[in-house]
Amino acid sequence: MINAAHIILYSTNAEADRVFIRDVLGLAGVDAGDGWLVFKLPPAEIAVHPTDGLDKHEFYLMCDDIEKTITELTAKGITISEPISEQRWGRLISIKLPSGADLSIYQPRHPTAYDLEG
C-alpha cells in the first residue's frame, strides 16, 4: 500500500535551498526533471497531534546528538537561528536556510518509530 512519503518545503529561493540541502546537509537526490531535485530522506515517522485551531503541518529533521550536530553544521557555516531549547519531547534547534526560512532539527527524548524492526 503506502511505500514512501513526499514532503514539500515551499521556499522563496528554492534553487539556493536545494543546493544547501544537497551540498551542506549532504542528502542524496535525483533530478526529477528541469533541475527539480528530490532528496532521499533518512528514516522518517509521522505523528498526528490534536488541535483546536486550523490544521497545519510541520517538518523536523532528527538527530541522535544535538551538540554534535550543531558542531558539524556550524563548521559548514550554517547559522543556528534558534539555540537549543529543552522540550518535554526532545532538544530542539533551528537552522537558517539560504532563503531565510528556518528548518527545525531535534534530538528526540521519546521512542521513535524508525527504530521498529521490519
C-alpha atoms as a PDB file:
ATOM      1  CA  MET A   1       0.000   0.000   0.000  1.00  0.00           C
ATOM      2  CA  ILE A   2       1.904   3.126   1.212  1.00  0.00           C
ATOM      3  CA  ASN A   3       5.600   2.737   0.421  1.00  0.00           C
ATOM      4  CA  ALA A   4       7.034   6.243   0.920  1.00  0.00           C
ATOM      5  CA  ALA A   5       6.277   9.856   1.782  1.00  0.00           C
ATOM      6  CA  HIS A   6       6.899  13.014  -0.250  1.00  0.00           C
ATOM      7  CA  ILE A   7       7.408  16.218   1.721  1.00  0.00           C
ATOM      8  CA  ILE A   8       7.350  19.646   0.075  1.00  0.00           C
ATOM      9  CA  LEU A   9       9.138  22.663   1.512  1.00  0.00           C
ATOM     10  CA  TYR A  10       7.994  25.920  -0.062  1.00  0.00           C
ATOM     11  CA  SER A  11      10.796  28.447  -0.491  1.00  0.00           C
ATOM     12  CA  THR A  12      11.295  31.985  -1.720  1.00  0.00           C
ATOM     13  CA  ASN A  13      14.691  30.821  -3.056  1.00  0.00           C
ATOM     14  CA  ALA A  14      14.154  27.174  -3.995  1.00  0.00           C
ATOM     15  CA  GLU A  15      17.370  26.808  -6.000  1.00  0.00           C
ATOM     16  CA  ALA A  16      19.575  28.008  -3.124  1.00  0.00           C
ATOM     17  CA  ASP A  17      17.724  25.824  -0.612  1.00  0.00           C
ATOM     18  CA  ARG A  18      18.065  22.783  -2.926  1.00  0.00           C
ATOM     19  CA  VAL A  19      21.824  23.345  -3.223  1.00  0.00           C
ATOM     20  CA  PHE A  20      22.033  23.765   0.570  1.00  0.00           C
ATOM     21  CA  ILE A  21      20.168  20.500   1.192  1.00  0.00           C
ATOM     22  CA  ARG A  22      22.367  18.672  -1.326  1.00  0.00           C
ATOM     23  CA  ASP A  23      25.785  20.192  -0.624  1.00  0.00           C
ATOM     24  CA  VAL A  24      25.625  21.255   3.020  1.00  0.00           C
ATOM     25  CA  LEU A  25      23.235  18.767   4.614  1.00  0.00           C
ATOM     26  CA  GLY A  26      24.593  16.058   2.293  1.00  0.00           C
ATOM     27  CA  LEU A  27      21.301  14.472   1.262  1.00  0.00           C
ATOM     28  CA  ALA A  28      21.447  12.461  -1.958  1.00  0.00           C
ATOM     29  CA  GLY A  29      18.852  13.202  -4.582  1.00  0.00           C
ATOM     30  CA  VAL A  30      17.648  12.773  -8.111  1.00  0.00           C
ATOM     31  CA  ASP A  31      16.728  15.317 -10.753  1.00  0.00           C
ATOM     32  CA  ALA A  32      13.020  14.784 -11.368  1.00  0.00           C
ATOM     33  CA  GLY A  33      13.322  16.956 -14.483  1.00  0.00           C
ATOM     34  CA  ASP A  34      14.348  20.528 -15.265  1.00  0.00           C
ATOM     35  CA  GLY A  35      16.532  20.786 -12.157  1.00  0.00           C
ATOM     36  CA  TRP A  36      13.770  19.841  -9.718  1.00  0.00           C
ATOM     37  CA  LEU A  37      15.814  17.943  -7.150  1.00  0.00           C
ATOM     38  CA  VAL A  38      14.046  15.382  -4.975  1.00  0.00           C
ATOM     39  CA  PHE A  39      16.074  14.238  -1.971  1.00  0.00           C
ATOM     40  CA  LYS A  40      16.262  10.921  -0.196  1.00  0.00           C
ATOM     41  CA  LEU A  41      15.492  11.364   3.478  1.00  0.00           C
ATOM     42  CA  PRO A  42      16.704   9.297   6.384  1.00  0.00           C
ATOM     43  CA  PRO A  43      14.114   7.041   8.031  1.00  0.00           C
ATOM     44  CA  ALA A  44      11.002   9.008   8.891  1.00  0.00           C
ATOM     45  CA  GLU A  45       7.917   8.849  11.044  1.00  0.00           C
ATOM     46  CA  ILE A  46       4.590  10.662  11.177  1.00  0.00           C
ATOM     47  CA  ALA A  47       2.584  11.778  14.192  1.00  0.00           C
ATOM     48  CA  VAL A  48      -0.906  13.267  14.405  1.00  0.00           C
ATOM     49  CA  HIS A  49      -1.468  15.882  17.115  1.00  0.00           C
ATOM     50  CA  PRO A  50      -4.875  17.279  18.114  1.00  0.00           C
ATOM     51  CA  THR A  51      -5.652  20.947  17.500  1.00  0.00           C
ATOM     52  CA  ASP A  52      -8.473  23.320  18.261  1.00  0.00           C
ATOM     53  CA  GLY A  53      -7.255  25.714  15.551  1.00  0.00           C
ATOM     54  CA  LEU A  54      -6.630  25.405  11.855  1.00  0.00           C
ATOM     55  CA  ASP A  55      -4.942  22.276  10.581  1.00  0.00           C
ATOM     56  CA  LYS A  56      -1.237  22.751   9.893  1.00  0.00           C
ATOM     57  CA  HIS A  57       1.771  20.598   9.099  1.00  0.00           C
ATOM     58  CA  GLU A  58       5.313  20.765  10.457  1.00  0.00           C
ATOM     59  CA  PHE A  59       8.592  19.217   9.318  1.00  0.00           C
ATOM     60  CA  TYR A  60      11.553  18.425  11.560  1.00  0.00           C
ATOM     61  CA  LEU A  61      14.828  16.699  10.849  1.00  0.00           C
ATOM     62  CA  MET A  62      16.006  14.420  13.658  1.00  0.00           C
ATOM     63  CA  CYS A  63      19.455  13.641  15.075  1.00  0.00           C
ATOM     64  CA  ASP A  64      20.979  11.436  17.766  1.00  0.00           C
ATOM     65  CA  ASP A  65      23.201  14.106  19.378  1.00  0.00           C
ATOM     66  CA  ILE A  66      22.184  17.770  19.119  1.00  0.00           C
ATOM     67  CA  GLU A  67      25.541  19.173  20.305  1.00  0.00           C
ATOM     68  CA  LYS A  68      27.469  17.097  17.767  1.00  0.00           C
ATOM     69  CA  THR A  69      25.008  18.135  15.054  1.00  0.00           C
ATOM     70  CA  ILE A  70      25.449  21.816  15.954  1.00  0.00           C
ATOM     71  CA  THR A  71      29.239  21.427  15.801  1.00  0.00           C
ATOM     72  CA  GLU A  72      29.056  19.750  12.381  1.00  0.00           C
ATOM     73  CA  LEU A  73      26.624  22.333  10.984  1.00  0.00           C
ATOM     74  CA  THR A  74      28.433  25.406  12.269  1.00  0.00           C
ATOM     75  CA  ALA A  75      31.709  24.015  10.854  1.00  0.00           C
ATOM     76  CA  LYS A  76      29.955  24.155   7.476  1.00  0.00           C
ATOM     77  CA  GLY A  77      28.993  27.785   8.070  1.00  0.00           C
ATOM     78  CA  ILE A  78      25.349  27.110   8.871  1.00  0.00           C
ATOM     79  CA  THR A  79      23.619  29.676  11.064  1.00  0.00           C
ATOM     80  CA  ILE A  80      21.817  28.334  14.115  1.00  0.00           C
ATOM     81  CA  SER A  81      18.761  30.606  14.203  1.00  0.00           C
ATOM     82  CA  GLU A  82      17.249  29.183  17.394  1.00  0.00           C
ATOM     83  CA  PRO A  83      19.605  27.780  20.068  1.00  0.00           C
ATOM     84  CA  ILE A  84      18.859  24.565  21.911  1.00  0.00           C
ATOM     85  CA  SER A  85      15.551  24.620  23.696  1.00  0.00           C
ATOM     86  CA  GLU A  86      14.576  21.858  26.044  1.00  0.00           C
ATOM     87  CA  GLN A  87      11.160  20.429  25.210  1.00  0.00           C
ATOM     88  CA  ARG A  88       9.500  17.575  27.041  1.00  0.00           C
ATOM     89  CA  TRP A  89       9.725  15.549  23.804  1.00  0.00           C
ATOM     90  CA  GLY A  90      13.305  16.463  22.829  1.00  0.00           C
ATOM     91  CA  ARG A  91      16.067  19.020  22.378  1.00  0.00           C
ATOM     92  CA  LEU A  92      15.245  21.452  19.564  1.00  0.00           C
ATOM     93  CA  ILE A  93      17.213  23.892  17.388  1.00  0.00           C
ATOM     94  CA  SER A  94      16.503  25.706  14.132  1.00  0.00           C
ATOM     95  CA  ILE A  95      18.922  26.428  11.322  1.00  0.00           C
ATOM     96  CA  LYS A  96      18.661  29.127   8.683  1.00  0.00           C
ATOM     97  CA  LEU A  97      18.197  28.064   5.054  1.00  0.00           C
ATOM     98  CA  PRO A  98      19.636  30.285   2.296  1.00  0.00           C
ATOM     99  CA  SER A  99      16.098  31.536   1.572  1.00  0.00           C
ATOM    100  CA  GLY A 100      15.921  32.861   5.131  1.00  0.00           C
ATOM    101  CA  ALA A 101      13.426  30.229   6.269  1.00  0.00           C
ATOM    102  CA  ASP A 102      14.049  28.214   9.428  1.00  0.00           C
ATOM    103  CA  LEU A 103      14.374  24.431   9.428  1.00  0.00           C
ATOM    104  CA  SER A 104      13.975  22.654  12.765  1.00  0.00           C
ATOM    105  CA  ILE A 105      16.139  19.775  13.980  1.00  0.00           C
ATOM    106  CA  TYR A 106      15.612  17.841  17.175  1.00  0.00           C
ATOM    107  CA  GLN A 107      17.088  15.080  19.287  1.00  0.00           C
ATOM    108  CA  PRO A 108      14.095  13.034  20.438  1.00  0.00           C
ATOM    109  CA  ARG A 109      13.539  12.018  24.042  1.00  0.00           C
ATOM    110  CA  HIS A 110      10.752   9.642  23.060  1.00  0.00           C
ATOM    111  CA  PRO A 111      10.786   6.218  21.428  1.00  0.00           C
ATOM    112  CA  THR A 112      10.987   6.600  17.649  1.00  0.00           C
ATOM    113  CA  ALA A 113       9.035   4.684  15.052  1.00  0.00           C
ATOM    114  CA  TYR A 114      12.073   4.389  12.779  1.00  0.00           C
ATOM    115  CA  ASP A 115      13.642   2.078  15.374  1.00  0.00           C
ATOM    116  CA  LEU A 116      10.924  -0.517  14.716  1.00  0.00           C
ATOM    117  CA  GLU A 117      12.157  -3.647  13.017  1.00  0.00           C
ATOM    118  CA  GLY A 118      10.548  -4.727   9.825  1.00  0.00           C
END
